[in-house]
Amino acid sequence: MTTLVVGPQGLHDLPVGHAVPGSSALVHYGEHTCPNTGGWIPGYPEDEHNSAGQPLHPFDIVTARFGKGAPITDEYIWSKSIATARGIRVGSSQAQVRAAYPSASTTKSYSTIVYVVAGSGGKLLIEVALHNANAAGEWPATTRTPQGSGPRRRSERSSGCT
């Protein structure tokens, strides 16, 4: 899995805007907890080497509708083992993201900054968590700096799952 690379075009051999290729060893089709994701399950086991520290699949693939021929719309990366071509992965600092993608545009919310890296095949969004005084118990009281980031490839529409 450490050889997988995510970018604006998508994750490895799963290009955004196209159906999952039948030859892909990264995912298999089956029942999924959220039907809006399209039914694709990573071919890797759940582990705790991710941003949440709890058992998760290393990534999620979202398609426009349930079914094998639907185009990929979103890809979410949870594993610390998957990186961008410039080495950004879950847990990278805000300084590392800025150094790797100095021309990325940014959008800020109350608890994150999202770096947007445009490419010919889509957009790579890298979300960096910030201190959130309104989320008691989520951050140590002394935290005042960005805590980490996670790359994801996302279209402009939501998957519909929360």
Protein backbone atom coordinates (compact mmCIF):
# COMPACT_ATOMS: atom_id res chain seq x y z
CA MET A 1 0.00 0.00 0.00
CA THR A 2 2.95 2.36 0.53
CA THR A 3 3.35 2.54 -3.25
CA LEU A 4 -0.12 4.04 -3.76
CA VAL A 5 -0.13 7.70 -4.80
CA VAL A 6 -3.09 10.07 -4.70
CA GLY A 7 -3.32 13.21 -6.82
CA PRO A 8 -5.85 15.43 -8.58
CA GLN A 9 -6.52 12.62 -11.07
CA GLY A 10 -7.37 10.10 -8.33
CA LEU A 11 -5.82 7.19 -6.48
CA HIS A 12 -3.44 4.90 -8.40
CA ASP A 13 -5.47 3.11 -11.13
CA LEU A 14 -8.82 4.57 -9.98
CA PRO A 15 -9.15 7.78 -12.02
CA VAL A 16 -11.86 10.20 -10.98
CA GLY A 17 -14.55 10.59 -13.61
CA HIS A 18 -14.23 7.00 -14.84
CA ALA A 19 -15.78 3.71 -13.76
CA VAL A 20 -13.67 1.44 -11.60
CA PRO A 21 -11.65 -0.69 -14.05
CA GLY A 22 -12.39 -4.41 -13.88
CA SER A 23 -8.67 -5.07 -13.62
CA SER A 24 -8.18 -2.99 -10.45
CA ALA A 25 -6.85 -4.97 -7.50
CA LEU A 26 -7.44 -2.02 -5.15
CA VAL A 27 -11.18 -2.53 -4.67
CA HIS A 28 -13.87 -5.16 -5.04
CA TYR A 29 -17.58 -4.76 -5.49
CA GLY A 30 -19.90 -5.75 -2.67
CA GLU A 31 -22.26 -4.55 -0.01
CA HIS A 32 -21.18 -1.40 1.71
CA THR A 33 -22.37 0.39 4.83
CA CYS A 34 -23.29 3.46 2.81
CA PRO A 35 -25.09 2.70 -0.48
CA ASN A 36 -24.28 6.20 -1.76
CA THR A 37 -20.62 5.24 -2.07
CA GLY A 38 -21.48 2.83 -4.86
CA GLY A 39 -20.60 -0.49 -3.23
CA TRP A 40 -16.81 -0.46 -3.67
CA ILE A 41 -14.76 -1.90 -0.81
CA PRO A 42 -10.96 -1.55 -0.58
CA GLY A 43 -8.99 -4.73 -1.10
CA TYR A 44 -6.98 -3.91 2.02
CA PRO A 45 -7.98 -4.84 5.56
CA GLU A 46 -9.06 -2.29 8.12
CA ASP A 47 -6.25 -1.14 10.40
CA GLU A 48 -5.50 1.60 12.90
CA HIS A 49 -2.71 3.30 10.90
CA ASN A 50 -4.93 6.29 10.06
CA SER A 51 -6.04 9.69 11.30
CA ALA A 52 -8.63 8.34 13.75
CA GLY A 53 -6.53 5.58 15.33
CA GLN A 54 -9.45 3.16 15.05
CA PRO A 55 -10.02 0.34 12.56
CA LEU A 56 -10.80 1.88 9.16
CA HIS A 57 -10.28 0.91 5.55
CA PRO A 58 -7.28 2.82 4.13
CA PHE A 59 -9.49 4.72 1.66
CA ASP A 60 -13.05 5.05 0.36
CA ILE A 61 -14.11 5.23 -3.27
CA VAL A 62 -17.40 7.02 -4.03
CA THR A 63 -19.28 6.65 -7.30
CA ALA A 64 -22.12 8.69 -8.82
CA ARG A 65 -24.61 5.88 -8.22
CA PHE A 66 -24.71 2.32 -6.94
CA GLY A 67 -23.39 -0.04 -9.59
CA LYS A 68 -20.26 -1.25 -11.28
CA GLY A 69 -20.39 1.11 -14.27
CA ALA A 70 -20.83 4.36 -12.36
CA PRO A 71 -18.03 6.95 -12.56
CA ILE A 72 -15.89 7.71 -9.52
CA THR A 73 -16.75 11.12 -8.03
CA ASP A 74 -14.81 11.19 -4.76
CA GLU A 75 -11.92 9.40 -3.09
CA TYR A 76 -11.12 9.75 0.62
CA ILE A 77 -7.73 8.75 1.99
CA TRP A 78 -7.58 7.68 5.65
CA SER A 79 -4.31 5.70 5.79
CA LYS A 80 -1.00 7.26 6.78
CA SER A 81 0.64 4.90 4.27
CA ILE A 82 -0.83 6.60 1.17
CA ALA A 83 0.81 9.84 0.05
CA THR A 84 0.70 12.42 -2.70
CA ALA A 85 3.52 12.55 -5.25
CA ARG A 86 5.09 15.27 -3.07
CA GLY A 87 4.97 13.14 0.09
CA ILE A 88 1.94 14.61 1.87
CA ARG A 89 -0.03 12.05 3.87
CA VAL A 90 -2.37 11.84 6.83
CA GLY A 91 -0.47 13.45 9.69
CA SER A 92 1.60 15.87 7.58
CA SER A 93 1.88 19.32 9.15
CA GLN A 94 0.51 22.53 7.72
CA ALA A 95 4.10 23.69 7.08
CA GLN A 96 4.79 20.50 5.09
CA VAL A 97 1.62 21.01 3.02
CA ARG A 98 2.50 24.66 2.30
CA ALA A 99 6.06 23.69 1.31
CA ALA A 100 4.87 20.89 -0.98
CA TYR A 101 2.05 22.91 -2.58
CA PRO A 102 2.93 26.63 -2.29
CA SER A 103 0.53 27.67 -5.07
CA ALA A 104 -2.49 25.77 -3.70
CA SER A 105 -5.54 27.88 -3.00
CA THR A 106 -7.03 27.66 0.50
CA THR A 107 -10.40 27.69 2.19
CA LYS A 108 -10.69 28.02 5.96
CA SER A 109 -13.46 26.83 8.28
CA TYR A 110 -13.76 27.07 12.04
CA SER A 111 -11.51 24.04 12.57
CA THR A 112 -9.70 23.26 9.30
CA ILE A 113 -7.85 24.76 6.38
CA VAL A 114 -8.35 23.01 3.05
CA TYR A 115 -5.58 23.30 0.47
CA VAL A 116 -6.89 22.86 -3.08
CA VAL A 117 -4.46 21.56 -5.70
CA ALA A 118 -5.97 21.78 -9.18
CA GLY A 119 -4.98 19.30 -11.86
CA SER A 120 -6.12 18.22 -15.29
CA GLY A 121 -8.17 15.34 -13.88
CA GLY A 122 -9.76 17.04 -10.89
CA LYS A 123 -8.81 18.63 -7.59
CA LEU A 124 -6.81 17.28 -4.70
CA LEU A 125 -8.06 18.60 -1.36
CA ILE A 126 -5.71 18.41 1.62
CA GLU A 127 -7.46 19.17 4.86
CA VAL A 128 -5.40 20.38 7.82
CA ALA A 129 -7.00 20.25 11.26
CA LEU A 130 -6.63 23.32 13.47
CA HIS A 131 -7.21 23.90 17.15
CA ASN A 132 -10.95 24.05 17.81
CA ALA A 133 -11.81 25.63 21.15
CA ASN A 134 -15.47 24.67 20.61
CA ALA A 135 -14.71 20.93 20.50
CA ALA A 136 -14.01 20.17 24.15
CA GLY A 137 -12.12 16.93 24.60
CA GLU A 138 -10.98 16.67 20.98
CA TRP A 139 -7.73 18.61 21.31
CA PRO A 140 -5.28 18.99 24.18
CA ALA A 141 -5.81 22.29 26.02
CA THR A 142 -2.32 23.48 25.01
CA THR A 143 -2.81 22.84 21.30
CA ARG A 144 -2.49 26.00 19.25
CA THR A 145 -0.98 24.71 16.02
CA PRO A 146 -2.23 22.58 13.13
CA GLN A 147 -2.46 18.93 14.08
CA GLY A 148 -2.21 17.12 10.79
CA SER A 149 -3.71 16.68 7.39
CA GLY A 150 -5.21 14.16 5.08
CA PRO A 151 -5.21 14.11 1.30
CA ARG A 152 -8.45 13.38 -0.50
CA ARG A 153 -9.66 13.74 -4.03
CA ARG A 154 -13.13 15.16 -4.16
CA SER A 155 -15.59 16.41 -6.72
CA GLU A 156 -17.85 19.37 -6.11
CA ARG A 157 -20.81 17.22 -5.02
CA SER A 158 -21.28 15.42 -1.74
CA SER A 159 -21.54 11.64 -1.41
CA GLY A 160 -24.62 12.03 0.77
CA CYS A 161 -23.23 10.00 3.70
CA THR A 162 -22.38 11.47 7.06
